[in-house]
Amino acid sequence: MAPPAGQDKTSISHRWRTRNQEAASTHQHEALPFGVRLRLWRNRLIASRAFRRNIARLPILRQISNRKANALFRLTGGFIFSQVLLTGVRTGLYDRLVDKALTSESLATAMNLPHDRLRTLLRVNADLGIVREVATDLWILDDAGVVVAADRGLAAMILHHEMLYRDLMEPQHLLTPDHEETELRRYWAYVRGAEPGNLDAASIADYSTLMRESQTMMSDCILASYDFRQVRVLLDIGGGDGAFLAAAAAANPELDLRLFDLPSVAERARHHLATLGLAARSRVHGGDFVKDDIPAEADCVTLIRVLCDHDDARVAAILGNLHRSLRPNTRVIVAEAMAGSSEGARLSSAYFNIYFLAMGSGRCRSDQEISKLLAKAGFAAIRTIPSPNPLIATLVTAVR
């Protein structure tokens, strides 16, 4: 039979394909769980400009809408806001306001900046809650500014982000498998090669200093979450310069300290712990925690910001070697930022997963994922211990 006038076989075939696709899509949609279909319906509503205009007319819904809009704008303006913070650290603005109230003119003179430009920087910092104008043209630090100025490690991380931002200039390139060479990968020397134990002192100096400076909040989080008073000997695996051991020693005067890290890092740790007066309480061992024997004299072992730096296969090797090396009943504590449902955990996951993508190694895991890796390596009695701030860390403990 010939097609109706004005239609050819191609248009009829196209119409049939479209109908079949729509039918298949409808069937697929109906097969989705009710909660998913409800969310998709909600998404269609939010996508409608008419719906958003109607929300703006209702006071209660307007508050919700504005809150969502503000959150979205924080995302779109995030790079600008982070650069404001970087400028404040780099120019020494926050340091100059420690325990002082200063005018914009005095700040401009001290910082050798044009007065009108400096006032703009102050206003922007005030809008972001970093500084505060307490009287006409009299400025002090706000809460966020106090923390940035007081925590050397946080300021160091803000400066370190310059490197990450350069790697993110073309962020989609990080998603391609052949884009392996980044500035962060060069910086974190131990992720580059198969023999990290051969790294010399110059290769590990910068990142070791950064890790030591940025350890304060992490140490506080761990010590507030776990009671080390019953621990006799504490071994920190991948312990860097010994910043966490120093914090644990200050809180627990009877604690004996052990540290295991790459040979070049271990030498730095010996010197750092000695300068803190902890040489008599410490033993430092150099080696590769993937393949070398780990000292078995401790009754508690910590891995702080270690597993997140490595891919699953290497984590399995680290934990397998740890299980082989340790004595039965040794307690193991994994502490790092972990993915989870809280706002802090979600922020950490979003940040670190991009950071590790640029670094070329590791990922932010949930406590359940870490628990499975520990169980697979042979550890038992695994449990999660929440910390006061999941943005900084969550703890997972296990027993050899």
Foldseek 3Di string as FASTA:
>chain_A
DADPPPDHPVVVVVVVVVVVVVVVVVVVLVPDDPVVNVVVVVVVLVVDPVSVVVLCVDVVSVVVVVVVVVVVVCVVCVVVLLVLVLVCLVLVVLVVQVVHKDFLVVVCVVSVHDSVVSVVSQVSCVVVQQWHDPDVRIIHGGPNSNVCNVQQLNSLVSNVCVQVVVLCPPVVLLVDPVPQDGSLQQLQPCVPDPCSLPDALVNCPPVLVSCLSNCPVVLVQVCQFDPCQPWAEEEEEQCFLPNSVVSVCVVHVNYAYEYEERPSRQVNNCVSCVVVVCNVRYDYYHDDLLDDADAAPTLEYEYEPNQQQADLVSLLSNLLNVVVRYDFFRKYKYKFQAADDDPLNPVLQVVSQSVSSSNNGGHHHHLVVVVVSNVVSPWAPWDKTQTPGSNGITMIMTTD
